[in-house]
Amino acid sequence: MKLKKVLGAGLAVAMAFSVVACGSSEKETGSAPAKTAGSKAATENTANVDLVNKVKSDETLVVALASEPSSLAPTLVGESENESSIISGAILDTLVSQNQFTGVVEPNIATKWEWLDDYRLQFTLRDDVTFTDGSLLTAEDVVYTFETLASQSGNNDGGKFLDPSKNEVVDDHTVILGFNTVAPDLVTMLTWTPFGIFSEDEVEACGGFDKAADSPVIGSGKYRFKEWVQGQYVVLERNDNYWNQDYAGYFKEIKFTFTQDPAAREMAVEAGDAGVAYEIPVAQASTYVNNQNVKTSFYSFGQVYHIWMNMRDSEPMKNVKVREALDKALDYDAIAAYATGGQAKQSLGYIDADVPFAVDYYTEDERKQDVGGAKALLEEAGYGDGLTISCLGTPDAEGLYTVMQAQLAQAGITLEINSVDIPTFVQGANGGDYDIILVGEYLDSRNPSAWVFFDENSINTFCIGGDKYTSDEIWSAIQEVIKAEDNEAAKEKVAALEEIFKRDTLVLNLCPELRSAITQPDIYGLATRERGYIDVTSFYREQ
């Protein structure tokens, strides 16, 4: 399990790639040596271990997000977006939770669980969990939630791995959930936000799935939905009847605003109009570390940046020599230094090196930039006079694409950068409107909801998976990884999979992906959920 780390002030300035050491804050409880791209050291503070807040206030926390979600309860409508997961993660509570520092799955709504066989998992539930309408949560509600997930989100995230025919209500506080695949890490998947529990009565009281997704007065989480003014903000209010009395939500309300420009999100924090700005590009965030008016935090979460090449719709990318030429033309060390602010090296495998079943399949020597070799391959492929390709990305990726653009130009490859908003990006990605695209894959556990880009049945393939990449050989190798008895056994299976990727140059591994958040200096409690989403229920102000 990759530790979720927050890096202290002292990151490289974006284009200079230099690192300056700096000390940690008094409120932070631990520190560890930083991973750096060179020989210099930086201080690194670990996320998810701030002192636990014990105080409730009447304050409102404003969280500036990059875009407005299309729904606030993605499970009900079969759509999953970063912003909706962040908001619904405060509303819904899951059977089990994951300690984001240790990776250990811990009791939550369920007090214990056990596998009855390869496909059935039995949970014992707490008897004091209440929903928004005041009713007690029972096994019936768990079954209803998982049946809804299977029907509404059957092709999205983990819904397709559920087998409702195996579900069983043993009694009010004992439930058996069924799955259609064998995977030791399935329990980890159940800690994710889409598996948050709600009741049929709540959904019907809202007016059905669509209306509940827009105004989700559902769930048993730490906060409750209050108001959504389309195009402006969403407001949640603290659930003072939350079952876990050890939890104290400092902020009475959490207000989410939506601003696409990351600089504007940072300025909102600096001006006091927001307490937290989420998802600031790391290279950009590194320019704020010496700004005393804000606190800049960086953390990793088990995802690697990959460049995928559109082998279905792009004639140049169908040619393996062109794909190999791109591989040789890129300077992976410089890309990693830019993308991570100098805190991590390039990724030598498809999976983040800190994940326990990862394999470093390449060597650094193999991955050194070779402009001459790239030019020779382009000549062989019939592009000796030059090649123009396009990439698709959101504004947050524009800086990284610009770095790659300069590198590719040395080999005679012109990269045209198409920077669009998130909805246009999703549409263009699904439509294959690009030659190359930057997308990370979250692989910090071996549950089957991972590997979506190679799953021909997944709707979340961005025109990256399916018939363009997936083969019986690849999919069989992936299943071997998922079903491996333990992480050590899985490493052998990962090596076989990496050999296929390397043989056909299917994907270019760049570097670990870091996330960044900007907060007011006296706000603490930065914590993460799955996929590196922030847990907005943990923030508090210094006393």
Protein backbone atom coordinates (compact mmCIF):
# COMPACT_ATOMS: atom_id res chain seq x y z
CA MET A 1 0.00 0.00 0.00
CA LYS A 2 1.44 3.36 -0.96
CA LEU A 3 1.56 5.78 1.94
CA LYS A 4 -0.46 8.90 1.32
CA LYS A 5 2.18 11.57 1.82
CA VAL A 6 1.95 15.33 2.17
CA LEU A 7 5.11 17.07 1.11
CA GLY A 8 6.16 20.11 3.10
CA ALA A 9 7.16 23.48 1.72
CA GLY A 10 10.39 23.23 -0.20
CA LEU A 11 9.39 22.00 -3.63
CA ALA A 12 11.17 22.81 -6.83
CA VAL A 13 10.20 25.88 -8.75
CA ALA A 14 8.42 24.48 -11.78
CA MET A 15 10.92 24.98 -14.59
CA ALA A 16 14.11 25.11 -12.52
CA PHE A 17 13.73 21.63 -10.99
CA SER A 18 15.65 22.65 -7.87
CA VAL A 19 14.74 21.57 -4.33
CA VAL A 20 15.15 23.65 -1.17
CA ALA A 21 14.86 22.14 2.33
CA CYS A 22 12.38 23.55 4.83
CA GLY A 23 11.10 22.54 8.29
CA SER A 24 7.70 21.15 9.32
CA SER A 25 4.86 22.81 11.17
CA GLU A 26 4.35 22.37 14.91
CA LYS A 27 0.87 20.92 14.38
CA GLU A 28 2.07 18.08 12.19
CA THR A 29 2.79 14.88 14.06
CA GLY A 30 5.46 13.21 11.98
CA SER A 31 7.91 13.56 9.14
CA ALA A 32 9.90 11.32 6.83
CA PRO A 33 12.64 11.72 4.24
CA ALA A 34 11.36 12.94 0.90
CA LYS A 35 11.78 11.15 -2.38
CA THR A 36 13.61 13.57 -4.62
CA ALA A 37 14.73 13.64 -8.23
CA GLY A 38 18.32 14.43 -7.28
CA SER A 39 20.76 14.30 -4.41
CA LYS A 40 19.27 17.19 -2.45
CA ALA A 41 16.87 16.50 0.39
CA ALA A 42 13.53 18.07 1.19
CA THR A 43 11.26 17.75 4.18
CA GLU A 44 8.15 15.62 3.82
CA ASN A 45 5.18 15.62 6.21
CA THR A 46 2.79 12.71 6.19
CA ALA A 47 -0.92 13.12 5.45
CA ASN A 48 -3.78 11.68 7.45
CA VAL A 49 -2.03 11.89 10.83
CA ASP A 50 -2.88 15.39 12.03
CA LEU A 51 -4.16 15.61 15.59
CA VAL A 52 -7.84 14.61 15.66
CA ASN A 53 -10.20 17.56 16.04
CA LYS A 54 -12.41 17.56 19.15
CA VAL A 55 -14.10 20.95 18.72
CA LYS A 56 -17.31 21.96 16.94
CA SER A 57 -17.80 25.51 15.67
CA ASP A 58 -20.45 27.53 13.86
CA GLU A 59 -18.05 28.35 11.02
CA THR A 60 -18.49 27.58 7.33
CA LEU A 61 -15.62 26.07 5.35
CA VAL A 62 -15.50 27.10 1.69
CA VAL A 63 -13.85 24.49 -0.56
CA ALA A 64 -12.97 25.65 -4.08
CA LEU A 65 -13.25 22.80 -6.59
CA ALA A 66 -12.29 22.85 -10.26
CA SER A 67 -15.73 22.16 -11.73
CA GLU A 68 -19.36 21.62 -10.84
CA PRO A 69 -20.45 17.97 -10.84
CA SER A 70 -23.42 16.76 -12.86
CA SER A 71 -24.82 14.96 -9.81
CA LEU A 72 -24.13 14.65 -6.10
CA ALA A 73 -24.92 10.94 -5.72
CA PRO A 74 -23.10 9.23 -8.60
CA THR A 75 -24.21 5.73 -7.57
CA LEU A 76 -27.83 6.58 -8.38
CA VAL A 77 -27.21 7.75 -11.94
CA GLY A 78 -24.26 5.59 -12.94
CA GLU A 79 -21.81 8.48 -13.30
CA SER A 80 -18.64 9.07 -11.34
CA GLU A 81 -16.77 12.39 -11.25
CA ASN A 82 -14.03 13.60 -8.94
CA GLU A 83 -16.10 16.45 -7.56
CA SER A 84 -19.23 14.38 -6.99
CA SER A 85 -17.17 11.75 -5.18
CA ILE A 86 -15.68 14.39 -2.88
CA ILE A 87 -19.10 15.80 -2.00
CA SER A 88 -20.96 12.49 -1.72
CA GLY A 89 -18.12 11.09 0.37
CA ALA A 90 -19.18 13.49 3.12
CA ILE A 91 -22.84 12.47 2.84
CA LEU A 92 -22.56 8.69 2.57
CA ASP A 93 -20.91 6.23 4.92
CA THR A 94 -19.43 2.86 3.92
CA LEU A 95 -19.45 -0.57 5.51
CA VAL A 96 -15.70 -0.45 5.98
CA SER A 97 -13.11 2.31 5.81
CA GLN A 98 -9.45 2.39 4.87
CA ASN A 99 -6.72 3.92 6.98
CA GLN A 100 -5.12 6.04 4.28
CA PHE A 101 -1.75 6.08 6.04
CA THR A 102 -1.37 2.34 6.69
CA GLY A 103 -3.65 0.97 3.99
CA VAL A 104 -5.46 -1.23 6.55
CA VAL A 105 -9.20 -1.81 6.05
CA GLU A 106 -11.00 -1.02 9.31
CA PRO A 107 -14.56 -1.43 10.71
CA ASN A 108 -17.03 1.35 10.06
CA ILE A 109 -20.77 0.70 9.68
CA ALA A 110 -19.81 -2.98 9.78
CA THR A 111 -18.09 -4.19 12.93
CA LYS A 112 -16.69 -7.38 11.37
CA TRP A 113 -16.72 -9.40 8.16
CA GLU A 114 -15.70 -12.80 6.83
CA TRP A 115 -15.57 -14.63 3.52
CA LEU A 116 -18.02 -17.53 3.43
CA ASP A 117 -16.55 -18.70 0.13
CA ASP A 118 -14.83 -17.10 -2.88
CA TYR A 119 -17.93 -15.17 -3.87
CA ARG A 120 -19.83 -14.33 -0.66
CA LEU A 121 -18.82 -11.87 2.03
CA GLN A 122 -20.75 -11.64 5.32
CA PHE A 123 -20.92 -8.44 7.37
CA THR A 124 -22.10 -7.77 10.92
CA LEU A 125 -23.59 -4.27 11.17
CA ARG A 126 -23.74 -1.72 13.95
CA ASP A 127 -27.19 -1.27 15.49
CA ASP A 128 -27.01 2.51 16.09
CA VAL A 129 -26.56 4.00 12.60
CA THR A 130 -29.35 6.37 11.51
CA PHE A 131 -30.20 7.85 8.13
CA THR A 132 -31.23 11.42 7.33
CA ASP A 133 -34.87 10.54 8.04
CA GLY A 134 -34.00 9.19 11.49
CA SER A 135 -34.58 5.53 10.62
CA LEU A 136 -32.07 2.87 11.67
CA LEU A 137 -29.80 1.36 9.06
CA THR A 138 -30.40 -2.39 8.61
CA ALA A 139 -29.24 -5.22 6.38
CA GLU A 140 -32.16 -4.48 4.03
CA ASP A 141 -30.66 -1.07 3.30
CA VAL A 142 -27.26 -2.57 2.52
CA VAL A 143 -28.82 -5.01 0.05
CA TYR A 144 -30.86 -2.20 -1.54
CA THR A 145 -27.72 -0.07 -1.95
CA PHE A 146 -25.74 -2.84 -3.57
CA GLU A 147 -28.62 -3.81 -5.86
CA THR A 148 -28.89 -0.17 -6.91
CA LEU A 149 -25.17 0.00 -7.56
CA ALA A 150 -25.34 -3.15 -9.68
CA SER A 151 -28.29 -1.87 -11.73
CA GLN A 152 -27.45 1.83 -12.05
CA SER A 153 -23.65 1.59 -12.17
CA GLY A 154 -23.23 -1.92 -13.53
CA ASN A 155 -20.62 -0.83 -16.08
CA ASN A 156 -18.94 1.74 -13.89
CA ASP A 157 -16.38 1.38 -11.12
CA GLY A 158 -17.14 -1.67 -8.97
CA GLY A 159 -20.83 -2.18 -9.73
CA LYS A 160 -20.13 -4.73 -12.43
CA PHE A 161 -18.43 -7.06 -9.94
CA LEU A 162 -21.53 -7.43 -7.77
CA ASP A 163 -23.84 -10.45 -7.99
CA PRO A 164 -27.19 -9.47 -6.42
CA SER A 165 -28.46 -13.05 -6.73
CA LYS A 166 -26.07 -14.02 -3.94
CA ASN A 167 -27.16 -11.22 -1.58
CA GLU A 168 -28.93 -12.35 1.57
CA VAL A 169 -30.44 -10.64 4.60
CA VAL A 170 -29.63 -12.97 7.50
CA ASP A 171 -31.17 -10.66 10.10
CA ASP A 172 -31.39 -6.90 10.71
CA HIS A 173 -27.70 -6.65 11.48
CA THR A 174 -26.20 -9.45 9.38
CA VAL A 175 -25.95 -9.34 5.60
CA ILE A 176 -24.27 -11.45 2.92
CA LEU A 177 -23.09 -9.71 -0.25
CA GLY A 178 -22.34 -11.58 -3.45
CA PHE A 179 -19.69 -11.03 -6.11
CA ASN A 180 -19.13 -12.51 -9.55
CA THR A 181 -15.35 -12.60 -9.49
CA VAL A 182 -12.55 -13.81 -7.25
CA ALA A 183 -10.30 -11.08 -5.87
CA PRO A 184 -8.60 -10.96 -2.46
CA ASP A 185 -8.72 -7.14 -2.36
CA LEU A 186 -12.45 -6.77 -2.96
CA VAL A 187 -12.92 -5.55 0.61
CA THR A 188 -10.70 -2.56 -0.14
CA MET A 189 -13.00 -1.62 -3.00
CA LEU A 190 -15.94 -1.47 -0.58
CA THR A 191 -14.27 1.43 1.26
CA TRP A 192 -14.80 3.63 -1.79
CA THR A 193 -17.45 6.37 -1.92
CA PRO A 194 -19.72 4.68 -4.53
CA PHE A 195 -20.35 1.94 -1.95
CA GLY A 196 -21.83 4.37 0.58
CA ILE A 197 -25.07 3.08 2.10
CA PHE A 198 -28.49 4.72 1.65
CA SER A 199 -32.09 3.51 2.00
CA GLU A 200 -34.94 2.95 -0.43
CA ASP A 201 -37.21 5.12 1.72
CA GLU A 202 -34.81 8.05 1.45
CA VAL A 203 -34.54 7.77 -2.33
CA GLU A 204 -38.33 7.55 -2.73
CA ALA A 205 -38.81 10.55 -0.41
CA CYS A 206 -36.54 12.56 -2.71
CA GLY A 207 -38.59 11.53 -5.75
CA GLY A 208 -36.48 8.78 -7.28
CA PHE A 209 -32.91 8.27 -8.46
CA ASP A 210 -32.51 11.41 -10.59
CA LYS A 211 -33.96 13.80 -8.03
CA ALA A 212 -32.02 12.18 -5.20
CA ALA A 213 -28.84 12.61 -7.23
CA ASP A 214 -29.58 16.35 -7.55
CA SER A 215 -30.76 16.91 -3.97
CA PRO A 216 -29.39 13.91 -2.05
CA VAL A 217 -31.14 13.99 1.32
CA ILE A 218 -29.81 10.49 1.82
CA GLY A 219 -27.14 8.62 3.74
CA SER A 220 -25.74 8.35 7.24
CA GLY A 221 -22.51 10.28 6.76
CA LYS A 222 -20.79 12.97 8.75
CA TYR A 223 -22.54 15.74 6.82
CA ARG A 224 -25.96 16.16 5.22
CA PHE A 225 -27.05 17.85 2.03
CA LYS A 226 -28.56 21.33 2.51
CA GLU A 227 -28.62 23.29 -0.76
CA TRP A 228 -27.43 23.28 -4.38
CA VAL A 229 -27.65 26.50 -6.38
CA GLN A 230 -26.78 25.41 -9.90
CA GLY A 231 -23.76 27.19 -11.33
CA GLN A 232 -22.80 28.68 -7.98
CA TYR A 233 -22.38 26.42 -4.96
CA VAL A 234 -23.35 23.35 -2.94
CA VAL A 235 -23.80 23.48 0.84
CA LEU A 236 -23.63 20.59 3.31
CA GLU A 237 -24.41 20.82 7.03
CA ARG A 238 -22.88 18.86 9.90
CA ASN A 239 -24.76 15.72 10.95
CA ASP A 240 -24.92 16.12 14.72
CA ASN A 241 -26.56 12.69 14.96
CA TYR A 242 -23.63 10.89 13.37
CA TRP A 243 -23.22 7.45 14.92
CA ASN A 244 -19.50 7.77 15.69
CA GLN A 245 -19.39 10.01 18.76
CA ASP A 246 -15.59 10.12 18.56
CA TYR A 247 -15.93 12.26 15.44
CA ALA A 248 -16.36 16.02 15.81
CA GLY A 249 -16.87 18.02 12.64
CA TYR A 250 -15.29 21.41 13.29
CA PHE A 251 -17.19 23.24 10.56
CA LYS A 252 -20.96 23.55 10.86
CA GLU A 253 -21.30 23.90 7.10
CA ILE A 254 -19.14 23.07 4.10
CA LYS A 255 -19.73 25.18 1.00
CA PHE A 256 -18.32 24.05 -2.35
CA THR A 257 -17.65 26.58 -5.09
CA PHE A 258 -16.50 25.83 -8.63
CA THR A 259 -13.71 27.65 -10.45
CA GLN A 260 -11.88 26.11 -13.39
CA ASP A 261 -8.81 28.37 -13.18
CA PRO A 262 -6.43 26.95 -10.51
CA ALA A 263 -4.81 30.36 -10.00
CA ALA A 264 -8.23 31.81 -9.19
CA ARG A 265 -8.81 29.00 -6.66
CA GLU A 266 -5.52 29.83 -4.95
CA MET A 267 -6.31 33.54 -4.96
CA ALA A 268 -9.66 32.81 -3.29
CA VAL A 269 -7.80 31.18 -0.39
CA GLU A 270 -5.25 33.98 -0.18
CA ALA A 271 -8.04 36.58 -0.13
CA GLY A 272 -9.93 34.71 2.58
CA ASP A 273 -12.88 33.83 0.32
CA ALA A 274 -12.12 30.09 0.54
CA GLY A 275 -10.45 27.93 3.15
CA VAL A 276 -9.32 25.15 0.80
CA ALA A 277 -8.47 25.06 -2.91
CA TYR A 278 -8.33 21.55 -4.32
CA GLU A 279 -6.46 20.11 -7.30
CA ILE A 280 -3.90 22.78 -8.03
CA PRO A 281 -1.40 21.47 -10.62
CA VAL A 282 1.74 20.45 -8.75
CA ALA A 283 4.07 22.49 -10.94
CA GLN A 284 1.91 25.55 -10.36
CA ALA A 285 1.42 24.85 -6.65
CA SER A 286 5.18 24.71 -6.16
CA THR A 287 5.29 28.43 -6.89
CA TYR A 288 3.17 29.11 -3.78
CA VAL A 289 5.29 27.30 -1.18
CA ASN A 290 7.03 30.47 0.00
CA ASN A 291 3.80 32.44 0.16
CA GLN A 292 3.14 33.00 3.87
CA ASN A 293 -0.53 33.76 3.21
CA VAL A 294 -1.34 30.18 2.25
CA LYS A 295 -0.23 26.64 3.12
CA THR A 296 0.67 24.37 0.20
CA SER A 297 0.41 20.59 0.57
CA PHE A 298 1.35 17.80 -1.84
CA TYR A 299 0.56 14.11 -1.55
CA SER A 300 0.77 10.91 -3.54
CA PHE A 301 -1.94 8.28 -3.76
CA GLY A 302 -0.96 5.26 -5.83
CA GLN A 303 -1.51 6.51 -9.37
CA VAL A 304 0.94 6.85 -12.25
CA TYR A 305 0.72 9.31 -15.13
CA HIS A 306 0.58 7.42 -18.43
CA ILE A 307 0.65 8.56 -22.02
CA TRP A 308 -1.74 6.45 -24.08
CA MET A 309 -1.53 6.36 -27.86
CA ASN A 310 -4.75 6.11 -29.85
CA MET A 311 -4.18 2.95 -31.86
CA ARG A 312 -7.78 2.79 -33.05
CA ASP A 313 -8.30 6.17 -34.72
CA SER A 314 -4.79 7.55 -35.24
CA GLU A 315 -2.86 6.28 -38.25
CA PRO A 316 0.54 7.33 -36.89
CA MET A 317 -0.09 5.63 -33.54
CA LYS A 318 -1.05 2.33 -35.16
CA ASN A 319 2.59 2.05 -36.26
CA VAL A 320 4.68 0.53 -33.48
CA LYS A 321 7.79 2.34 -34.75
CA VAL A 322 6.07 5.69 -34.19
CA ARG A 323 5.14 4.63 -30.66
CA GLU A 324 8.73 3.56 -30.03
CA ALA A 325 9.96 6.88 -31.44
CA LEU A 326 7.82 8.80 -28.95
CA ASP A 327 9.25 6.65 -26.17
CA LYS A 328 12.81 7.50 -27.16
CA ALA A 329 12.11 11.20 -27.77
CA LEU A 330 10.84 11.90 -24.26
CA ASP A 331 13.08 12.90 -21.36
CA TYR A 332 11.38 11.04 -18.52
CA ASP A 333 13.60 12.47 -15.79
CA ALA A 334 12.72 16.02 -16.79
CA ILE A 335 9.03 15.12 -17.07
CA ALA A 336 9.04 13.63 -13.57
CA ALA A 337 10.88 16.63 -12.15
CA TYR A 338 8.31 18.99 -13.62
CA ALA A 339 5.19 16.95 -12.86
CA THR A 340 6.13 16.21 -9.23
CA GLY A 341 7.99 19.39 -8.36
CA GLY A 342 11.22 17.41 -8.07
CA GLN A 343 9.83 15.07 -5.40
CA ALA A 344 9.76 11.80 -7.37
CA LYS A 345 11.64 10.06 -10.13
CA GLN A 346 10.23 8.60 -13.32
CA SER A 347 8.11 5.45 -13.11
CA LEU A 348 9.92 2.35 -14.33
CA GLY A 349 6.75 0.28 -14.46
CA TYR A 350 3.03 0.61 -15.06
CA ILE A 351 2.25 0.51 -11.32
CA ASP A 352 3.51 3.05 -8.78
CA ALA A 353 6.74 1.74 -7.27
CA ASP A 354 5.47 2.12 -3.69
CA VAL A 355 2.49 -0.19 -4.31
CA PRO A 356 3.35 -3.58 -2.76
CA PHE A 357 2.85 -5.64 -5.94
CA ALA A 358 4.63 -3.24 -8.31
CA VAL A 359 7.57 -4.26 -10.50
CA ASP A 360 10.18 -1.89 -11.93
CA TYR A 361 10.31 -3.48 -15.35
CA TYR A 362 12.43 -0.89 -17.14
CA THR A 363 15.89 0.35 -16.17
CA GLU A 364 16.81 4.02 -16.13
CA ASP A 365 19.36 3.39 -18.88
CA GLU A 366 16.66 1.96 -21.13
CA ARG A 367 14.59 5.06 -20.60
CA LYS A 368 17.23 7.69 -21.32
CA GLN A 369 16.27 10.20 -23.99
CA ASP A 370 17.58 9.13 -27.41
CA VAL A 371 16.73 11.80 -29.99
CA GLY A 372 18.83 10.14 -32.68
CA GLY A 373 17.13 6.80 -32.14
CA ALA A 374 13.72 8.49 -32.31
CA LYS A 375 14.56 10.15 -35.63
CA ALA A 376 15.76 6.84 -37.08
CA LEU A 377 12.52 5.10 -36.11
CA LEU A 378 10.44 7.90 -37.64
CA GLU A 379 12.44 7.54 -40.86
CA GLU A 380 11.70 3.81 -40.92
CA ALA A 381 8.02 4.54 -40.30
CA GLY A 382 7.84 6.93 -43.26
CA TYR A 383 7.90 10.19 -41.29
CA GLY A 384 11.46 11.28 -41.98
CA ASP A 385 10.25 14.76 -42.96
CA GLY A 386 8.51 15.21 -39.63
CA LEU A 387 5.31 14.22 -37.89
CA THR A 388 2.48 16.29 -36.41
CA ILE A 389 0.32 14.77 -33.69
CA SER A 390 -2.32 16.14 -31.34
CA CYS A 391 -2.98 15.67 -27.65
CA LEU A 392 -6.11 16.24 -25.59
CA GLY A 393 -6.05 17.56 -22.05
CA THR A 394 -7.61 19.80 -19.44
CA PRO A 395 -5.95 23.12 -18.54
CA ASP A 396 -4.30 21.44 -15.54
CA ALA A 397 -2.29 19.23 -17.94
CA GLU A 398 -1.21 22.00 -20.27
CA GLY A 399 2.09 22.65 -18.51
CA LEU A 400 3.16 19.02 -18.67
CA TYR A 401 2.17 18.79 -22.32
CA THR A 402 4.25 21.90 -23.01
CA VAL A 403 7.33 20.23 -21.51
CA MET A 404 6.73 17.18 -23.72
CA GLN A 405 6.13 19.41 -26.73
CA ALA A 406 9.64 20.85 -26.49
CA GLN A 407 11.19 17.39 -26.11
CA LEU A 408 9.34 15.88 -29.07
CA ALA A 409 10.28 18.82 -31.26
CA GLN A 410 13.94 17.79 -30.96
CA ALA A 411 13.07 14.59 -32.84
CA GLY A 412 10.99 16.33 -35.48
CA ILE A 413 7.60 15.65 -33.87
CA THR A 414 5.21 18.60 -33.61
CA LEU A 415 2.75 18.27 -30.74
CA GLU A 416 -0.45 20.30 -31.04
CA ILE A 417 -1.98 20.85 -27.59
CA ASN A 418 -5.77 20.85 -27.40
CA SER A 419 -6.69 22.17 -23.95
CA VAL A 420 -10.40 21.87 -23.08
CA ASP A 421 -12.72 21.88 -20.09
CA ILE A 422 -13.51 18.63 -18.28
CA PRO A 423 -16.84 17.80 -20.01
CA THR A 424 -15.27 18.39 -23.43
CA PHE A 425 -12.27 16.32 -22.40
CA VAL A 426 -14.45 13.35 -21.46
CA GLN A 427 -16.43 13.64 -24.69
CA GLY A 428 -13.31 13.94 -26.82
CA ALA A 429 -11.57 11.12 -25.00
CA ASN A 430 -14.49 8.77 -25.54
CA GLY A 431 -14.66 9.86 -29.17
CA GLY A 432 -10.98 9.24 -29.85
CA ASP A 433 -10.33 12.89 -30.69
CA TYR A 434 -6.56 12.77 -30.11
CA ASP A 435 -3.32 11.00 -31.03
CA ILE A 436 -2.00 10.86 -27.48
CA ILE A 437 -3.67 11.49 -24.13
CA LEU A 438 -2.46 11.84 -20.54
CA VAL A 439 -4.44 9.66 -18.13
CA GLY A 440 -3.45 8.05 -14.82
CA GLU A 441 -4.69 4.72 -13.51
CA TYR A 442 -5.30 4.15 -9.81
CA LEU A 443 -3.78 0.80 -8.80
CA ASP A 444 -3.04 0.79 -5.08
CA SER A 445 -4.87 -2.51 -4.52
CA ARG A 446 -5.60 -5.61 -6.60
CA ASN A 447 -9.36 -5.33 -6.61
CA PRO A 448 -11.00 -5.95 -10.00
CA SER A 449 -12.32 -2.42 -10.47
CA ALA A 450 -8.78 -1.44 -11.46
CA TRP A 451 -7.31 -1.97 -14.95
CA VAL A 452 -10.31 -0.15 -16.48
CA PHE A 453 -8.33 0.91 -19.52
CA PHE A 454 -7.90 -2.72 -20.55
CA ASP A 455 -11.45 -3.82 -19.80
CA GLU A 456 -13.40 -4.11 -23.04
CA ASN A 457 -16.69 -3.99 -21.13
CA SER A 458 -15.94 -0.81 -19.20
CA ILE A 459 -17.52 2.48 -20.26
CA ASN A 460 -14.62 4.30 -18.60
CA THR A 461 -12.04 3.43 -21.23
CA PHE A 462 -11.67 6.89 -22.82
CA CYS A 463 -11.11 5.21 -26.18
CA ILE A 464 -7.99 3.78 -24.55
CA GLY A 465 -9.07 0.24 -23.81
CA GLY A 466 -11.39 -2.16 -25.59
CA ASP A 467 -10.42 -3.31 -29.04
CA LYS A 468 -7.45 -0.94 -29.17
CA TYR A 469 -5.48 -2.59 -26.39
CA THR A 470 -7.28 -5.48 -24.81
CA SER A 471 -6.46 -8.95 -26.01
CA ASP A 472 -7.03 -12.37 -24.51
CA GLU A 473 -3.34 -12.40 -23.59
CA ILE A 474 -3.53 -9.07 -21.75
CA TRP A 475 -6.81 -9.73 -20.01
CA SER A 476 -5.71 -13.19 -18.89
CA ALA A 477 -2.50 -11.73 -17.45
CA ILE A 478 -4.50 -9.08 -15.57
CA GLN A 479 -6.80 -11.71 -14.07
CA GLU A 480 -3.75 -13.60 -12.83
CA VAL A 481 -2.58 -10.46 -11.01
CA ILE A 482 -5.99 -9.88 -9.41
CA LYS A 483 -6.43 -13.49 -8.28
CA ALA A 484 -2.90 -13.96 -6.94
CA GLU A 485 -2.84 -15.26 -3.38
CA ASP A 486 -0.70 -12.43 -2.05
CA ASN A 487 1.36 -9.47 -3.23
CA GLU A 488 4.57 -11.46 -3.62
CA ALA A 489 2.86 -13.94 -5.91
CA ALA A 490 1.26 -11.05 -7.77
CA LYS A 491 4.65 -9.55 -8.60
CA GLU A 492 5.48 -12.51 -10.85
CA LYS A 493 2.19 -12.01 -12.67
CA VAL A 494 2.78 -8.27 -12.99
CA ALA A 495 6.16 -8.95 -14.59
CA ALA A 496 4.46 -11.05 -17.28
CA LEU A 497 1.97 -8.26 -17.91
CA GLU A 498 4.69 -5.61 -18.08
CA GLU A 499 6.49 -7.68 -20.70
CA ILE A 500 3.45 -7.40 -22.99
CA PHE A 501 3.27 -3.64 -22.48
CA LYS A 502 6.98 -3.28 -23.18
CA ARG A 503 7.01 -5.62 -26.19
CA ASP A 504 4.37 -3.65 -28.08
CA THR A 505 5.01 -0.18 -26.56
CA LEU A 506 1.36 0.01 -25.54
CA VAL A 507 1.72 2.75 -22.96
CA LEU A 508 4.36 5.25 -21.85
CA ASN A 509 4.83 5.38 -18.06
CA LEU A 510 5.74 8.88 -16.91
CA CYS A 511 5.87 9.33 -13.13
CA PRO A 512 3.87 9.04 -9.91
CA GLU A 513 0.96 11.44 -9.85
CA LEU A 514 0.83 13.90 -6.95
CA ARG A 515 -2.11 16.01 -5.90
CA SER A 516 -1.92 19.42 -4.31
CA ALA A 517 -4.19 21.46 -2.07
CA ILE A 518 -3.89 25.07 -0.95
CA THR A 519 -5.32 25.97 2.46
CA GLN A 520 -5.40 28.95 4.77
CA PRO A 521 -2.38 28.73 7.12
CA ASP A 522 -4.44 27.92 10.23
CA ILE A 523 -6.45 25.07 8.66
CA TYR A 524 -5.34 21.53 9.47
CA GLY A 525 -6.65 18.01 9.07
CA LEU A 526 -5.85 17.36 5.42
CA ALA A 527 -6.94 13.76 4.88
CA THR A 528 -7.58 11.68 1.78
CA ARG A 529 -10.02 9.11 0.51
CA GLU A 530 -9.71 6.68 -2.38
CA ARG A 531 -8.00 7.98 -5.51
CA GLY A 532 -6.48 10.80 -3.52
CA TYR A 533 -9.76 12.68 -3.09
CA ILE A 534 -9.71 15.02 -0.11
CA ASP A 535 -11.88 14.13 2.86
CA VAL A 536 -13.58 17.47 3.53
CA THR A 537 -15.02 16.25 6.84
CA SER A 538 -11.58 16.23 8.52
CA PHE A 539 -10.59 19.88 8.19
CA TYR A 540 -10.46 22.07 11.28
CA ARG A 541 -9.07 25.43 12.27
CA GLU A 542 -6.15 25.78 14.64
CA GLN A 543 -7.29 26.43 18.21
